[in-house]
Structure formats: C-alpha cells, structure tokens
Amino acid sequence: MFCPNCKYEYKPEIKKCPDCGADLVEKLEESKPVVEKKQKLVLLCTTQNLVYADFLKKTLEKNDIPCLIKNEGGMMSYPPSYAKIYVPEEKYEESRKIKVQLVDDL
C-alpha cells in the first residue's frame, strides 16, 4: 500500500497514511522521473522526520532543484525509519542553503 501524497510504502494492513491521513492505494500513478538518470546525486541530509523530508523535497522542487528521497527501514522497523535526501551535485550548495533556511539541522 502506498500514500498517493507522501509516496511512502506501508504494510498491507495499513489503510490510511499516518503522516497526512490520505487513503492508501495499491499502486502509485506512474510519473516522469524528476531526477535525470545521467545526473550525479549527492546526499544532502538524513532525517527521521519524514514530514520534514517531504516538505524539504517540495521546497527544493519549487526552486527548480530536483531531488530524490530514499526511505530507509520501514514504519515498523527498529531503529525507526529515516529518509535520505539526494540532490544533483551541481545543485548541492543551493540546496544546502535552502535546507538551512528552512529548519537548519532537523
């Protein structure tokens, strides 16, 4: 099951997204990749706050910076799941400044 808003995957028995409250779906709609395959990605940050990760992703994309969130672990994992946020290498400094302006070190 997937959240159509957050794009996170959940176990089949979960029916609503615990982050945004949306009804989960069995499949996400196909969309064009935001990050081109030929771009070299670098790690911008790691966070356990998945809502923050989604907020940062949306803010970066509004500033024409494509990014990729890789969700590590799962909802029931220990330690708790966390997200790694990657950006194109050439956009790293601009991305880092936006991240610091939003919430600094969350």
N, C-alpha and C. Protein backbone atom coordinates (compact mmCIF):
# COMPACT_ATOMS: atom_id res chain seq x y z
N MET A 1 0.84 -1.18 0.00
CA MET A 1 0.00 0.00 0.00
C MET A 1 0.89 1.24 0.00
N PHE A 2 0.45 2.28 -0.72
CA PHE A 2 1.23 3.49 -0.87
C PHE A 2 0.38 4.72 -0.57
N CYS A 3 1.02 5.76 -0.05
CA CYS A 3 0.33 7.03 0.13
C CYS A 3 0.43 7.81 -1.18
N PRO A 4 -0.70 8.25 -1.75
CA PRO A 4 -0.66 8.99 -3.01
C PRO A 4 -0.03 10.38 -2.85
N ASN A 5 0.03 10.90 -1.62
CA ASN A 5 0.62 12.22 -1.38
C ASN A 5 2.10 12.13 -1.02
N CYS A 6 2.39 11.34 0.00
CA CYS A 6 3.77 11.25 0.53
C CYS A 6 4.64 10.29 -0.28
N LYS A 7 4.00 9.38 -1.00
CA LYS A 7 4.68 8.37 -1.83
C LYS A 7 5.41 7.30 -1.01
N TYR A 8 5.11 7.18 0.28
CA TYR A 8 5.74 6.17 1.11
C TYR A 8 4.96 4.86 1.02
N GLU A 9 5.67 3.76 1.21
CA GLU A 9 5.06 2.44 1.16
C GLU A 9 4.78 1.95 2.58
N TYR A 10 3.62 1.31 2.75
CA TYR A 10 3.22 0.79 4.06
C TYR A 10 2.80 -0.67 3.94
N LYS A 11 2.72 -1.33 5.08
CA LYS A 11 2.28 -2.73 5.11
C LYS A 11 0.83 -2.81 4.66
N PRO A 12 0.42 -3.97 4.08
CA PRO A 12 -0.93 -4.11 3.52
C PRO A 12 -2.07 -3.84 4.51
N GLU A 13 -1.85 -4.10 5.79
CA GLU A 13 -2.93 -3.91 6.77
C GLU A 13 -3.18 -2.44 7.11
N ILE A 14 -2.29 -1.55 6.71
CA ILE A 14 -2.47 -0.12 6.98
C ILE A 14 -3.29 0.48 5.85
N LYS A 15 -4.33 1.21 6.20
CA LYS A 15 -5.26 1.75 5.20
C LYS A 15 -5.18 3.26 5.03
N LYS A 16 -4.67 3.98 6.05
CA LYS A 16 -4.54 5.43 5.98
C LYS A 16 -3.10 5.83 6.27
N CYS A 17 -2.63 6.88 5.61
CA CYS A 17 -1.27 7.37 5.83
C CYS A 17 -1.18 7.98 7.23
N PRO A 18 -0.23 7.51 8.04
CA PRO A 18 -0.10 8.07 9.38
C PRO A 18 0.45 9.51 9.38
N ASP A 19 1.05 9.94 8.27
CA ASP A 19 1.59 11.30 8.20
C ASP A 19 0.56 12.33 7.75
N CYS A 20 -0.16 12.03 6.65
CA CYS A 20 -1.08 13.03 6.10
C CYS A 20 -2.55 12.63 6.17
N GLY A 21 -2.84 11.37 6.52
CA GLY A 21 -4.23 10.94 6.67
C GLY A 21 -4.92 10.50 5.38
N ALA A 22 -4.20 10.50 4.28
CA ALA A 22 -4.80 10.10 2.99
C ALA A 22 -5.07 8.60 2.97
N ASP A 23 -6.10 8.20 2.22
CA ASP A 23 -6.36 6.78 1.99
C ASP A 23 -5.24 6.21 1.14
N LEU A 24 -4.70 5.06 1.55
CA LEU A 24 -3.62 4.44 0.79
C LEU A 24 -4.15 3.76 -0.45
N VAL A 25 -3.31 3.63 -1.46
CA VAL A 25 -3.66 2.97 -2.72
C VAL A 25 -2.71 1.80 -2.95
N GLU A 26 -3.13 0.86 -3.78
CA GLU A 26 -2.30 -0.31 -4.05
C GLU A 26 -1.13 0.00 -4.97
N LYS A 27 -1.30 0.99 -5.85
CA LYS A 27 -0.27 1.35 -6.83
C LYS A 27 -0.20 2.86 -6.95
N LEU A 28 1.00 3.37 -7.09
CA LEU A 28 1.16 4.80 -7.35
C LEU A 28 1.07 5.05 -8.85
N GLU A 29 0.54 6.21 -9.21
CA GLU A 29 0.48 6.57 -10.62
C GLU A 29 1.89 6.76 -11.14
N GLU A 30 2.12 6.33 -12.37
CA GLU A 30 3.43 6.49 -12.99
C GLU A 30 3.64 7.97 -13.30
N SER A 31 4.82 8.45 -13.02
CA SER A 31 5.16 9.83 -13.36
C SER A 31 6.58 9.88 -13.90
N LYS A 32 6.87 10.97 -14.60
CA LYS A 32 8.21 11.13 -15.14
C LYS A 32 9.18 11.31 -14.00
N PRO A 33 10.36 10.73 -14.11
CA PRO A 33 11.34 10.94 -13.03
C PRO A 33 11.75 12.40 -12.95
N VAL A 34 11.84 12.89 -11.73
CA VAL A 34 12.22 14.28 -11.53
C VAL A 34 13.73 14.44 -11.72
N VAL A 35 14.47 13.44 -11.30
CA VAL A 35 15.92 13.48 -11.41
C VAL A 35 16.33 12.68 -12.64
N GLU A 36 17.10 13.31 -13.53
CA GLU A 36 17.56 12.61 -14.72
C GLU A 36 18.59 11.57 -14.35
N LYS A 37 18.59 10.44 -15.05
CA LYS A 37 19.50 9.34 -14.74
C LYS A 37 20.96 9.72 -14.88
N LYS A 38 21.29 10.64 -15.78
CA LYS A 38 22.69 10.97 -16.00
C LYS A 38 23.25 11.95 -14.97
N GLN A 39 22.40 12.51 -14.11
CA GLN A 39 22.87 13.43 -13.09
C GLN A 39 23.53 12.67 -11.95
N LYS A 40 24.65 13.19 -11.46
CA LYS A 40 25.29 12.59 -10.29
C LYS A 40 24.61 13.16 -9.05
N LEU A 41 24.10 12.27 -8.19
CA LEU A 41 23.41 12.70 -6.99
C LEU A 41 24.34 12.63 -5.79
N VAL A 42 24.16 13.59 -4.89
CA VAL A 42 24.92 13.61 -3.64
C VAL A 42 23.93 13.73 -2.48
N LEU A 43 24.35 13.22 -1.33
CA LEU A 43 23.50 13.25 -0.15
C LEU A 43 23.44 14.66 0.42
N LEU A 44 22.23 15.19 0.55
CA LEU A 44 22.04 16.49 1.17
C LEU A 44 21.88 16.34 2.68
N CYS A 45 21.03 15.40 3.10
CA CYS A 45 20.83 15.19 4.53
C CYS A 45 20.10 13.88 4.78
N THR A 46 20.11 13.48 6.05
CA THR A 46 19.37 12.32 6.52
C THR A 46 18.51 12.78 7.68
N THR A 47 17.26 12.33 7.72
CA THR A 47 16.35 12.73 8.79
C THR A 47 15.40 11.60 9.14
N GLN A 48 14.98 11.54 10.40
CA GLN A 48 13.94 10.60 10.81
C GLN A 48 12.57 11.24 10.67
N ASN A 49 12.53 12.52 10.40
CA ASN A 49 11.28 13.25 10.27
C ASN A 49 10.83 13.19 8.81
N LEU A 50 9.95 12.23 8.49
CA LEU A 50 9.54 12.03 7.11
C LEU A 50 8.67 13.17 6.59
N VAL A 51 7.95 13.85 7.47
CA VAL A 51 7.16 15.01 7.06
C VAL A 51 8.11 16.14 6.64
N TYR A 52 9.17 16.34 7.42
CA TYR A 52 10.17 17.35 7.08
C TYR A 52 10.82 17.01 5.73
N ALA A 53 11.12 15.73 5.52
CA ALA A 53 11.75 15.31 4.26
C ALA A 53 10.86 15.67 3.08
N ASP A 54 9.57 15.41 3.21
CA ASP A 54 8.63 15.73 2.13
C ASP A 54 8.53 17.24 1.93
N PHE A 55 8.50 18.00 3.03
CA PHE A 55 8.44 19.46 2.96
C PHE A 55 9.69 20.01 2.27
N LEU A 56 10.86 19.49 2.63
CA LEU A 56 12.10 19.93 2.00
C LEU A 56 12.11 19.60 0.52
N LYS A 57 11.64 18.40 0.16
CA LYS A 57 11.58 17.99 -1.25
C LYS A 57 10.70 18.96 -2.05
N LYS A 58 9.53 19.26 -1.52
CA LYS A 58 8.62 20.17 -2.22
C LYS A 58 9.22 21.57 -2.35
N THR A 59 9.91 22.03 -1.31
CA THR A 59 10.53 23.35 -1.35
C THR A 59 11.66 23.39 -2.38
N LEU A 60 12.47 22.34 -2.39
CA LEU A 60 13.56 22.28 -3.38
C LEU A 60 12.98 22.28 -4.80
N GLU A 61 11.96 21.48 -5.03
CA GLU A 61 11.36 21.41 -6.38
C GLU A 61 10.74 22.73 -6.79
N LYS A 62 10.18 23.50 -5.84
CA LYS A 62 9.65 24.84 -6.17
C LYS A 62 10.77 25.78 -6.58
N ASN A 63 11.99 25.45 -6.16
CA ASN A 63 13.17 26.25 -6.53
C ASN A 63 13.93 25.61 -7.69
N ASP A 64 13.24 24.77 -8.45
CA ASP A 64 13.80 24.10 -9.64
C ASP A 64 15.02 23.24 -9.32
N ILE A 65 14.99 22.59 -8.15
CA ILE A 65 16.05 21.66 -7.78
C ILE A 65 15.42 20.27 -7.64
N PRO A 66 15.67 19.39 -8.59
CA PRO A 66 15.12 18.04 -8.46
C PRO A 66 15.79 17.32 -7.31
N CYS A 67 15.05 16.44 -6.66
CA CYS A 67 15.66 15.68 -5.57
C CYS A 67 15.01 14.31 -5.47
N LEU A 68 15.68 13.45 -4.74
CA LEU A 68 15.23 12.08 -4.56
C LEU A 68 15.25 11.77 -3.07
N ILE A 69 14.14 11.22 -2.56
CA ILE A 69 14.09 10.79 -1.16
C ILE A 69 14.13 9.28 -1.15
N LYS A 70 15.08 8.74 -0.42
CA LYS A 70 15.17 7.30 -0.27
C LYS A 70 14.79 6.97 1.16
N ASN A 71 13.67 6.26 1.32
CA ASN A 71 13.17 5.90 2.64
C ASN A 71 13.86 4.62 3.08
N GLU A 72 14.61 4.69 4.17
CA GLU A 72 15.33 3.55 4.71
C GLU A 72 14.54 2.96 5.86
N GLY A 73 14.53 1.64 5.95
CA GLY A 73 13.76 1.00 7.01
C GLY A 73 12.29 0.99 6.64
N GLY A 74 11.46 0.81 7.59
CA GLY A 74 10.02 0.80 7.37
C GLY A 74 9.32 1.33 8.58
N MET A 75 8.02 1.44 8.49
CA MET A 75 7.25 2.02 9.57
C MET A 75 7.43 1.25 10.87
N MET A 76 7.56 -0.07 10.79
CA MET A 76 7.67 -0.89 11.99
C MET A 76 9.11 -1.31 12.27
N SER A 77 10.07 -0.67 11.66
CA SER A 77 11.47 -1.09 11.82
C SER A 77 12.09 -0.48 13.07
N TYR A 78 13.16 -1.11 13.50
CA TYR A 78 13.94 -0.55 14.59
C TYR A 78 15.39 -0.53 14.17
N PRO A 79 16.10 0.55 14.23
CA PRO A 79 15.58 1.83 14.69
C PRO A 79 14.52 2.38 13.73
N PRO A 80 13.80 3.42 14.15
CA PRO A 80 12.72 3.96 13.30
C PRO A 80 13.23 4.32 11.90
N SER A 81 12.33 4.33 10.94
CA SER A 81 12.72 4.63 9.57
C SER A 81 13.23 6.06 9.45
N TYR A 82 14.02 6.27 8.43
CA TYR A 82 14.56 7.58 8.17
C TYR A 82 14.65 7.78 6.67
N ALA A 83 14.82 9.02 6.27
CA ALA A 83 14.90 9.36 4.85
C ALA A 83 16.23 10.01 4.54
N LYS A 84 16.80 9.61 3.41
CA LYS A 84 17.99 10.25 2.88
C LYS A 84 17.54 11.08 1.68
N ILE A 85 17.97 12.33 1.64
CA ILE A 85 17.57 13.24 0.57
C ILE A 85 18.79 13.52 -0.30
N TYR A 86 18.65 13.22 -1.59
CA TYR A 86 19.73 13.40 -2.55
C TYR A 86 19.37 14.50 -3.54
N VAL A 87 20.38 15.26 -3.95
CA VAL A 87 20.20 16.33 -4.94
C VAL A 87 21.31 16.22 -5.98
N PRO A 88 21.12 16.81 -7.16
CA PRO A 88 22.21 16.81 -8.15
C PRO A 88 23.43 17.52 -7.59
N GLU A 89 24.60 16.98 -7.90
CA GLU A 89 25.85 17.52 -7.37
C GLU A 89 25.98 19.02 -7.64
N GLU A 90 25.61 19.45 -8.83
CA GLU A 90 25.77 20.87 -9.19
C GLU A 90 24.79 21.79 -8.46
N LYS A 91 23.78 21.21 -7.81
CA LYS A 91 22.79 22.00 -7.06
C LYS A 91 22.97 21.86 -5.55
N TYR A 92 24.04 21.20 -5.12
CA TYR A 92 24.22 20.91 -3.69
C TYR A 92 24.28 22.18 -2.84
N GLU A 93 25.11 23.15 -3.20
CA GLU A 93 25.26 24.35 -2.36
C GLU A 93 23.96 25.13 -2.26
N GLU A 94 23.29 25.28 -3.37
CA GLU A 94 21.99 25.97 -3.37
C GLU A 94 20.99 25.21 -2.49
N SER A 95 20.99 23.88 -2.60
CA SER A 95 20.09 23.04 -1.80
C SER A 95 20.41 23.15 -0.32
N ARG A 96 21.68 23.15 0.02
CA ARG A 96 22.10 23.24 1.41
C ARG A 96 21.65 24.56 2.03
N LYS A 97 21.75 25.65 1.28
CA LYS A 97 21.31 26.96 1.77
C LYS A 97 19.81 26.97 2.04
N ILE A 98 19.04 26.36 1.14
CA ILE A 98 17.59 26.28 1.33
C ILE A 98 17.27 25.44 2.57
N LYS A 99 17.95 24.32 2.72
CA LYS A 99 17.74 23.45 3.89
C LYS A 99 18.02 24.20 5.18
N VAL A 100 19.13 24.93 5.24
CA VAL A 100 19.49 25.68 6.45
C VAL A 100 18.45 26.76 6.73
N GLN A 101 17.96 27.43 5.71
CA GLN A 101 16.94 28.47 5.89
C GLN A 101 15.64 27.89 6.41
N LEU A 102 15.30 26.67 5.98
CA LEU A 102 14.02 26.07 6.42
C LEU A 102 14.04 25.70 7.89
N VAL A 103 14.97 24.86 8.28
CA VAL A 103 14.98 24.39 9.68
C VAL A 103 16.36 24.05 10.19
N ASP A 104 17.37 24.44 9.52
CA ASP A 104 18.75 24.21 9.91
C ASP A 104 19.07 22.73 10.04
N ASP A 105 19.18 22.18 11.22
CA ASP A 105 19.68 20.81 11.38
C ASP A 105 18.62 19.79 11.82
N LEU A 106 17.41 19.89 11.37
CA LEU A 106 16.41 18.87 11.72
C LEU A 106 16.69 17.58 11.04
